[in-house]
């Protein structure tokens, strides 16, 4: 088996806040808003919105009412620490940084090289969505200059 991720589904606190953000964020990564789907299953307290691309389905899901007031914290056991998306160049990381600022993402660390990370030339930016879920855009191509 080849280790390819088919889909990712992340529980958010508030769908009304999250959906508009992800409708702006995911097209920056190549997701087509025309391939966006939504489903609700009331008896399971389940509302999901998913965005399809050729290689990955990304979805957000509502919390069960028993957990709706819980704080998001990436260091809890079982929690998503962060999710990294690979860019093709440093210039793409830089461009995405500018676009993320425009859509209101919370920039944790602007683009820079991380010499403490492997492999050499690790160039990344870190940001959070409007609820505090952390993401990364990374490029491993250290020979490409930033613009």
N, C-alpha and C. Protein backbone atom coordinates (compact mmCIF):
# COMPACT_ATOMS: atom_id res chain seq x y z
N UNK A 1 0.84 -1.20 0.00
CA UNK A 1 0.00 0.00 0.00
C UNK A 1 0.87 1.24 0.00
N UNK A 2 0.47 2.24 -0.77
CA UNK A 2 1.15 3.52 -0.78
C UNK A 2 0.47 4.44 0.24
N UNK A 3 1.23 5.13 1.10
CA UNK A 3 0.62 5.96 2.15
C UNK A 3 0.07 7.27 1.61
N UNK A 4 -1.10 7.21 1.02
CA UNK A 4 -1.76 8.40 0.48
C UNK A 4 -3.00 8.69 1.31
N UNK A 5 -3.15 9.91 1.75
CA UNK A 5 -4.33 10.30 2.53
C UNK A 5 -5.47 10.58 1.56
N UNK A 6 -6.60 9.95 1.79
CA UNK A 6 -7.78 10.11 0.94
C UNK A 6 -8.60 11.33 1.36
N UNK A 7 -8.86 11.45 2.66
CA UNK A 7 -9.64 12.58 3.15
C UNK A 7 -9.27 12.91 4.59
N UNK A 8 -9.54 14.15 4.93
CA UNK A 8 -9.30 14.66 6.28
C UNK A 8 -10.59 15.32 6.72
N UNK A 9 -11.01 15.02 7.95
CA UNK A 9 -12.22 15.61 8.49
C UNK A 9 -11.89 16.16 9.87
N UNK A 10 -12.08 17.46 10.04
CA UNK A 10 -11.72 18.14 11.28
C UNK A 10 -12.97 18.71 11.92
N UNK A 11 -13.12 18.48 13.21
CA UNK A 11 -14.26 19.04 13.94
C UNK A 11 -13.92 20.47 14.33
N UNK A 12 -14.82 21.37 14.02
CA UNK A 12 -14.67 22.79 14.35
C UNK A 12 -15.68 23.14 15.44
N UNK A 13 -15.52 24.29 16.06
CA UNK A 13 -16.46 24.71 17.09
C UNK A 13 -17.76 25.25 16.51
N UNK A 14 -17.65 26.10 15.50
CA UNK A 14 -18.81 26.81 14.98
C UNK A 14 -18.80 26.79 13.46
N UNK A 15 -19.74 26.05 12.88
CA UNK A 15 -19.80 25.93 11.43
C UNK A 15 -20.07 27.28 10.77
N UNK A 16 -20.84 28.14 11.42
CA UNK A 16 -21.17 29.45 10.83
C UNK A 16 -19.93 30.33 10.69
N UNK A 17 -18.96 30.16 11.57
CA UNK A 17 -17.69 30.89 11.48
C UNK A 17 -16.73 30.17 10.54
N UNK A 18 -16.68 28.85 10.64
CA UNK A 18 -15.68 28.07 9.91
C UNK A 18 -15.94 27.98 8.41
N UNK A 19 -17.17 27.73 8.01
CA UNK A 19 -17.45 27.51 6.58
C UNK A 19 -17.02 28.70 5.72
N UNK A 20 -17.38 29.94 6.06
CA UNK A 20 -16.92 31.06 5.22
C UNK A 20 -15.39 31.17 5.14
N UNK A 21 -14.70 30.88 6.25
CA UNK A 21 -13.24 30.93 6.23
C UNK A 21 -12.69 29.87 5.28
N UNK A 22 -13.15 28.63 5.40
CA UNK A 22 -12.64 27.55 4.56
C UNK A 22 -13.05 27.72 3.10
N UNK A 23 -14.17 28.39 2.85
CA UNK A 23 -14.55 28.72 1.47
C UNK A 23 -13.55 29.68 0.83
N UNK A 24 -12.85 30.47 1.64
CA UNK A 24 -11.81 31.37 1.14
C UNK A 24 -10.44 30.70 1.13
N UNK A 25 -10.16 29.91 2.18
CA UNK A 25 -8.84 29.29 2.34
C UNK A 25 -8.59 28.15 1.34
N UNK A 26 -9.51 27.23 1.24
CA UNK A 26 -9.23 26.02 0.44
C UNK A 26 -9.05 26.29 -1.05
N UNK A 27 -9.74 27.25 -1.67
CA UNK A 27 -9.42 27.55 -3.07
C UNK A 27 -7.97 28.04 -3.26
N UNK A 28 -7.36 28.64 -2.23
CA UNK A 28 -5.96 29.04 -2.33
C UNK A 28 -5.06 27.83 -2.53
N UNK A 29 -5.52 26.66 -2.06
CA UNK A 29 -4.75 25.42 -2.17
C UNK A 29 -5.14 24.61 -3.41
N UNK A 30 -6.09 25.12 -4.19
CA UNK A 30 -6.49 24.41 -5.40
C UNK A 30 -7.81 23.69 -5.34
N UNK A 31 -8.54 23.81 -4.23
CA UNK A 31 -9.85 23.18 -4.13
C UNK A 31 -10.85 24.01 -4.93
N UNK A 32 -11.77 23.33 -5.62
CA UNK A 32 -12.78 23.96 -6.46
C UNK A 32 -14.08 24.08 -5.67
N UNK A 33 -14.56 25.31 -5.48
CA UNK A 33 -15.80 25.51 -4.73
C UNK A 33 -17.00 24.84 -5.39
N UNK A 34 -16.92 24.55 -6.68
CA UNK A 34 -18.00 23.84 -7.36
C UNK A 34 -18.05 22.37 -6.95
N UNK A 35 -17.01 21.89 -6.28
CA UNK A 35 -16.96 20.50 -5.81
C UNK A 35 -17.11 20.44 -4.30
N UNK A 36 -17.88 21.35 -3.76
CA UNK A 36 -18.14 21.43 -2.33
C UNK A 36 -19.47 20.75 -2.05
N UNK A 37 -19.49 19.90 -1.03
CA UNK A 37 -20.72 19.21 -0.65
C UNK A 37 -21.04 19.42 0.81
N UNK A 38 -22.27 19.12 1.18
CA UNK A 38 -22.72 19.34 2.56
C UNK A 38 -23.77 18.31 2.90
N UNK A 39 -23.74 17.85 4.16
CA UNK A 39 -24.75 16.91 4.64
C UNK A 39 -25.02 17.16 6.11
N UNK A 40 -26.27 16.87 6.51
CA UNK A 40 -26.67 16.97 7.92
C UNK A 40 -27.41 15.70 8.28
N UNK A 41 -27.02 15.13 9.44
CA UNK A 41 -27.71 13.97 9.99
C UNK A 41 -28.10 14.35 11.41
N UNK A 42 -29.33 14.81 11.57
CA UNK A 42 -29.78 15.38 12.84
C UNK A 42 -29.66 14.41 14.01
N UNK A 43 -30.05 13.14 13.79
CA UNK A 43 -30.00 12.19 14.91
C UNK A 43 -28.59 11.92 15.41
N UNK A 44 -27.58 12.23 14.61
CA UNK A 44 -26.19 12.07 15.04
C UNK A 44 -25.52 13.40 15.38
N UNK A 45 -26.31 14.48 15.39
CA UNK A 45 -25.76 15.82 15.62
C UNK A 45 -24.57 16.05 14.71
N UNK A 46 -24.74 15.79 13.44
CA UNK A 46 -23.64 15.75 12.49
C UNK A 46 -23.94 16.67 11.30
N UNK A 47 -23.11 17.67 11.15
CA UNK A 47 -23.17 18.57 10.00
C UNK A 47 -21.77 18.58 9.42
N UNK A 48 -21.64 18.21 8.16
CA UNK A 48 -20.34 18.17 7.51
C UNK A 48 -20.38 18.96 6.21
N UNK A 49 -19.30 19.69 5.97
CA UNK A 49 -19.09 20.37 4.69
C UNK A 49 -17.74 19.88 4.19
N UNK A 50 -17.72 19.45 2.91
CA UNK A 50 -16.47 18.93 2.37
C UNK A 50 -16.15 19.59 1.04
N UNK A 51 -14.85 19.73 0.81
CA UNK A 51 -14.32 20.30 -0.41
C UNK A 51 -13.48 19.22 -1.08
N UNK A 52 -13.73 18.96 -2.34
CA UNK A 52 -13.03 17.92 -3.09
C UNK A 52 -11.96 18.54 -3.97
N UNK A 53 -10.84 17.85 -4.06
CA UNK A 53 -9.84 18.13 -5.09
C UNK A 53 -9.51 16.79 -5.72
N UNK A 54 -8.67 16.82 -6.72
CA UNK A 54 -8.33 15.57 -7.40
C UNK A 54 -7.64 14.58 -6.46
N UNK A 55 -6.85 15.07 -5.52
CA UNK A 55 -6.05 14.19 -4.66
C UNK A 55 -6.54 14.08 -3.22
N UNK A 56 -7.41 14.97 -2.78
CA UNK A 56 -7.77 14.99 -1.37
C UNK A 56 -9.16 15.58 -1.17
N UNK A 57 -9.87 15.02 -0.23
CA UNK A 57 -11.13 15.60 0.24
C UNK A 57 -10.84 16.18 1.63
N UNK A 58 -11.18 17.44 1.83
CA UNK A 58 -11.01 18.10 3.12
C UNK A 58 -12.38 18.45 3.64
N UNK A 59 -12.68 18.09 4.88
CA UNK A 59 -14.01 18.34 5.43
C UNK A 59 -13.91 18.90 6.84
N UNK A 60 -14.93 19.70 7.19
CA UNK A 60 -15.09 20.15 8.57
C UNK A 60 -16.43 19.65 9.07
N UNK A 61 -16.49 19.38 10.35
CA UNK A 61 -17.66 18.78 10.97
C UNK A 61 -18.03 19.54 12.23
N UNK A 62 -19.31 19.59 12.50
CA UNK A 62 -19.79 20.22 13.73
C UNK A 62 -19.49 19.33 14.93
N UNK A 63 -19.33 19.92 16.11
CA UNK A 63 -19.14 19.11 17.31
C UNK A 63 -20.49 18.57 17.82
N UNK A 64 -20.45 17.51 18.57
CA UNK A 64 -21.66 17.08 19.29
C UNK A 64 -21.97 18.16 20.34
N UNK A 65 -23.24 18.31 20.67
CA UNK A 65 -23.63 19.36 21.61
C UNK A 65 -22.93 19.21 22.96
N UNK A 66 -22.62 18.00 23.38
CA UNK A 66 -21.94 17.78 24.66
C UNK A 66 -20.53 18.38 24.68
N UNK A 67 -19.94 18.60 23.50
CA UNK A 67 -18.58 19.13 23.41
C UNK A 67 -18.53 20.55 22.84
N UNK A 68 -19.67 21.13 22.55
CA UNK A 68 -19.72 22.41 21.85
C UNK A 68 -19.03 23.55 22.61
N UNK A 69 -18.99 23.48 23.93
CA UNK A 69 -18.35 24.55 24.70
C UNK A 69 -16.88 24.26 25.00
N UNK A 70 -16.37 23.10 24.60
CA UNK A 70 -14.96 22.77 24.84
C UNK A 70 -14.05 23.69 24.03
N UNK A 71 -12.93 24.04 24.62
CA UNK A 71 -11.94 24.86 23.92
C UNK A 71 -11.12 23.98 22.98
N UNK A 72 -10.75 24.56 21.85
CA UNK A 72 -9.85 23.86 20.93
C UNK A 72 -8.45 23.95 21.50
N UNK A 73 -7.78 22.82 21.59
CA UNK A 73 -6.40 22.81 22.08
C UNK A 73 -5.64 21.70 21.37
N UNK A 74 -4.62 22.05 20.63
CA UNK A 74 -3.90 21.09 19.80
C UNK A 74 -2.99 20.16 20.58
N UNK A 75 -2.81 20.37 21.86
CA UNK A 75 -1.93 19.51 22.65
C UNK A 75 -2.70 18.48 23.47
N UNK A 76 -4.01 18.40 23.29
CA UNK A 76 -4.79 17.36 23.97
C UNK A 76 -4.56 16.02 23.28
N UNK A 77 -4.55 14.92 24.04
CA UNK A 77 -4.44 13.61 23.40
C UNK A 77 -5.56 13.43 22.37
N UNK A 78 -5.19 12.95 21.21
CA UNK A 78 -6.15 12.70 20.15
C UNK A 78 -6.44 13.91 19.28
N UNK A 79 -5.93 15.08 19.67
CA UNK A 79 -6.20 16.31 18.92
C UNK A 79 -5.24 16.43 17.74
N UNK A 80 -5.65 17.17 16.75
CA UNK A 80 -4.79 17.51 15.62
C UNK A 80 -3.83 18.60 16.07
N UNK A 81 -2.53 18.32 16.04
CA UNK A 81 -1.54 19.33 16.41
C UNK A 81 -1.50 20.42 15.35
N UNK A 82 -1.26 20.04 14.11
CA UNK A 82 -1.38 20.95 12.97
C UNK A 82 -1.35 20.11 11.71
N UNK A 83 -1.76 20.73 10.63
CA UNK A 83 -1.81 20.06 9.33
C UNK A 83 -0.98 20.90 8.37
N UNK A 84 -0.04 20.26 7.66
CA UNK A 84 0.84 20.97 6.75
C UNK A 84 0.50 20.64 5.31
N UNK A 85 0.45 21.68 4.49
CA UNK A 85 0.25 21.54 3.05
C UNK A 85 1.55 21.92 2.35
N UNK A 86 1.96 21.13 1.35
CA UNK A 86 3.22 21.37 0.67
C UNK A 86 3.04 22.32 -0.51
N UNK A 87 3.88 23.34 -0.55
CA UNK A 87 3.93 24.27 -1.67
C UNK A 87 5.06 23.85 -2.61
N UNK A 88 4.98 24.30 -3.84
CA UNK A 88 5.98 23.90 -4.83
C UNK A 88 7.22 24.78 -4.81
N UNK A 89 7.12 25.97 -4.18
CA UNK A 89 8.27 26.88 -4.16
C UNK A 89 8.15 27.84 -2.98
N UNK A 90 9.26 28.48 -2.69
CA UNK A 90 9.24 29.53 -1.65
C UNK A 90 8.35 30.67 -2.08
N UNK A 91 8.37 30.99 -3.37
CA UNK A 91 7.51 32.06 -3.88
C UNK A 91 6.04 31.73 -3.63
N UNK A 92 5.68 30.46 -3.76
CA UNK A 92 4.29 30.07 -3.50
C UNK A 92 3.95 30.22 -2.01
N UNK A 93 4.88 29.86 -1.13
CA UNK A 93 4.68 30.07 0.31
C UNK A 93 4.45 31.55 0.59
N UNK A 94 5.28 32.39 -0.01
CA UNK A 94 5.16 33.83 0.19
C UNK A 94 3.83 34.37 -0.33
N UNK A 95 3.42 33.90 -1.51
CA UNK A 95 2.14 34.34 -2.09
C UNK A 95 0.98 33.91 -1.20
N UNK A 96 1.02 32.66 -0.73
CA UNK A 96 -0.05 32.18 0.13
C UNK A 96 -0.09 32.96 1.44
N UNK A 97 1.06 33.35 1.95
CA UNK A 97 1.09 34.17 3.16
C UNK A 97 0.31 35.46 2.94
N UNK A 98 0.57 36.15 1.82
CA UNK A 98 -0.15 37.40 1.53
C UNK A 98 -1.65 37.15 1.42
N UNK A 99 -2.04 36.06 0.75
CA UNK A 99 -3.46 35.76 0.57
C UNK A 99 -4.13 35.35 1.87
N UNK A 100 -3.40 34.65 2.73
CA UNK A 100 -3.95 34.26 4.04
C UNK A 100 -4.20 35.49 4.91
N UNK A 101 -3.29 36.44 4.86
CA UNK A 101 -3.49 37.70 5.59
C UNK A 101 -4.77 38.38 5.10
N UNK A 102 -4.97 38.40 3.77
CA UNK A 102 -6.14 39.05 3.19
C UNK A 102 -7.46 38.41 3.62
N UNK A 103 -7.47 37.07 3.84
CA UNK A 103 -8.72 36.42 4.21
C UNK A 103 -8.93 36.35 5.72
N UNK A 104 -8.00 36.91 6.48
CA UNK A 104 -8.17 36.99 7.93
C UNK A 104 -7.58 35.85 8.74
N UNK A 105 -6.73 35.02 8.13
CA UNK A 105 -6.06 33.97 8.91
C UNK A 105 -5.16 34.62 9.96
N UNK A 106 -4.99 33.95 11.07
CA UNK A 106 -4.13 34.44 12.15
C UNK A 106 -2.73 33.89 11.89
N UNK A 107 -1.81 34.75 11.50
CA UNK A 107 -0.45 34.32 11.19
C UNK A 107 0.30 34.10 12.50
N UNK A 108 0.76 32.88 12.69
CA UNK A 108 1.55 32.52 13.88
C UNK A 108 3.02 32.83 13.63
N UNK A 109 3.50 32.47 12.44
CA UNK A 109 4.88 32.73 12.06
C UNK A 109 4.93 32.96 10.56
N UNK A 110 5.35 34.14 10.11
CA UNK A 110 5.41 34.41 8.68
C UNK A 110 6.48 33.54 8.01
N UNK A 111 6.50 33.53 6.69
CA UNK A 111 7.45 32.66 5.99
C UNK A 111 8.90 32.91 6.40
N UNK A 112 9.57 31.82 6.66
CA UNK A 112 11.01 31.88 6.95
C UNK A 112 11.59 30.48 6.86
N UNK A 113 12.89 30.41 6.84
CA UNK A 113 13.56 29.11 6.84
C UNK A 113 13.71 28.64 8.29
N UNK A 114 13.53 27.34 8.48
CA UNK A 114 13.65 26.72 9.80
C UNK A 114 14.85 25.79 9.78
N UNK A 115 16.05 26.30 10.13
CA UNK A 115 17.25 25.47 10.08
C UNK A 115 17.22 24.32 11.09
N UNK A 116 16.38 24.44 12.11
CA UNK A 116 16.28 23.37 13.12
C UNK A 116 15.43 22.20 12.65
N UNK A 117 14.73 22.35 11.52
CA UNK A 117 13.88 21.28 10.98
C UNK A 117 14.63 20.53 9.89
N UNK A 118 14.19 19.32 9.63
CA UNK A 118 14.77 18.48 8.58
C UNK A 118 13.72 18.35 7.50
N UNK A 119 14.07 18.39 6.25
CA UNK A 119 15.41 18.48 5.66
C UNK A 119 15.92 19.92 5.62
N UNK A 120 17.20 20.09 5.29
CA UNK A 120 17.74 21.45 5.13
C UNK A 120 16.92 22.21 4.09
N UNK A 121 16.78 23.52 4.32
CA UNK A 121 16.01 24.34 3.39
C UNK A 121 14.52 24.34 3.68
N UNK A 122 14.11 23.88 4.85
CA UNK A 122 12.70 23.83 5.24
C UNK A 122 12.20 25.26 5.37
N UNK A 123 11.30 25.67 4.48
CA UNK A 123 10.78 27.03 4.42
C UNK A 123 9.27 26.97 4.62
N UNK A 124 8.76 27.67 5.62
CA UNK A 124 7.35 27.49 5.97
C UNK A 124 6.76 28.74 6.59
N UNK A 125 5.42 28.73 6.61
CA UNK A 125 4.67 29.70 7.40
C UNK A 125 3.64 28.91 8.20
N UNK A 126 3.30 29.41 9.36
CA UNK A 126 2.32 28.79 10.23
C UNK A 126 1.20 29.79 10.48
N UNK A 127 -0.03 29.29 10.50
CA UNK A 127 -1.18 30.16 10.74
C UNK A 127 -2.29 29.35 11.39
N UNK A 128 -3.29 30.07 11.90
CA UNK A 128 -4.46 29.43 12.48
C UNK A 128 -5.71 29.94 11.78
N UNK A 129 -6.73 29.08 11.76
CA UNK A 129 -8.03 29.52 11.26
C UNK A 129 -8.67 30.40 12.32
N UNK A 130 -9.90 30.82 12.10
CA UNK A 130 -10.55 31.76 13.02
C UNK A 130 -10.88 31.16 14.38
N UNK A 131 -10.80 29.83 14.49
CA UNK A 131 -11.09 29.16 15.77
C UNK A 131 -9.84 28.67 16.48
N UNK A 132 -8.69 28.83 15.86
CA UNK A 132 -7.43 28.44 16.50
C UNK A 132 -6.85 27.12 16.02
N UNK A 133 -7.39 26.53 14.96
CA UNK A 133 -6.83 25.29 14.42
C UNK A 133 -5.60 25.67 13.59
N UNK A 134 -4.47 25.01 13.88
CA UNK A 134 -3.18 25.42 13.30
C UNK A 134 -2.89 24.67 12.00
N UNK A 135 -2.35 25.43 11.03
CA UNK A 135 -1.94 24.90 9.73
C UNK A 135 -0.55 25.42 9.38
N UNK A 136 0.02 24.77 8.38
CA UNK A 136 1.35 25.14 7.89
C UNK A 136 1.34 25.04 6.37
N UNK A 137 2.07 25.93 5.73
CA UNK A 137 2.39 25.82 4.31
C UNK A 137 3.90 25.70 4.25
N UNK A 138 4.40 24.63 3.62
CA UNK A 138 5.84 24.35 3.64
C UNK A 138 6.36 24.06 2.25
N UNK A 139 7.62 24.43 2.04
CA UNK A 139 8.33 24.11 0.82
C UNK A 139 9.67 23.53 1.23
N UNK A 140 10.05 22.42 0.58
CA UNK A 140 11.33 21.78 0.87
C UNK A 140 12.38 22.11 -0.19
N UNK A 141 12.01 22.88 -1.20
CA UNK A 141 12.91 23.19 -2.31
C UNK A 141 13.79 24.37 -1.93
N UNK A 142 14.88 24.12 -1.24
CA UNK A 142 15.71 25.20 -0.71
C UNK A 142 16.47 25.97 -1.78
N UNK A 143 16.53 25.45 -3.00
CA UNK A 143 17.29 26.15 -4.04
C UNK A 143 16.48 27.24 -4.72
N UNK A 144 15.15 27.31 -4.46
CA UNK A 144 14.29 28.29 -5.11
C UNK A 144 14.25 29.54 -4.26
N UNK A 145 14.49 30.67 -4.86
CA UNK A 145 14.52 31.92 -4.12
C UNK A 145 13.12 32.44 -3.82
N UNK A 146 12.97 33.11 -2.70
CA UNK A 146 11.71 33.74 -2.31
C UNK A 146 11.54 35.03 -3.11
N UNK A 147 10.26 35.35 -3.38
CA UNK A 147 10.02 36.63 -4.07
C UNK A 147 9.30 37.60 -3.16
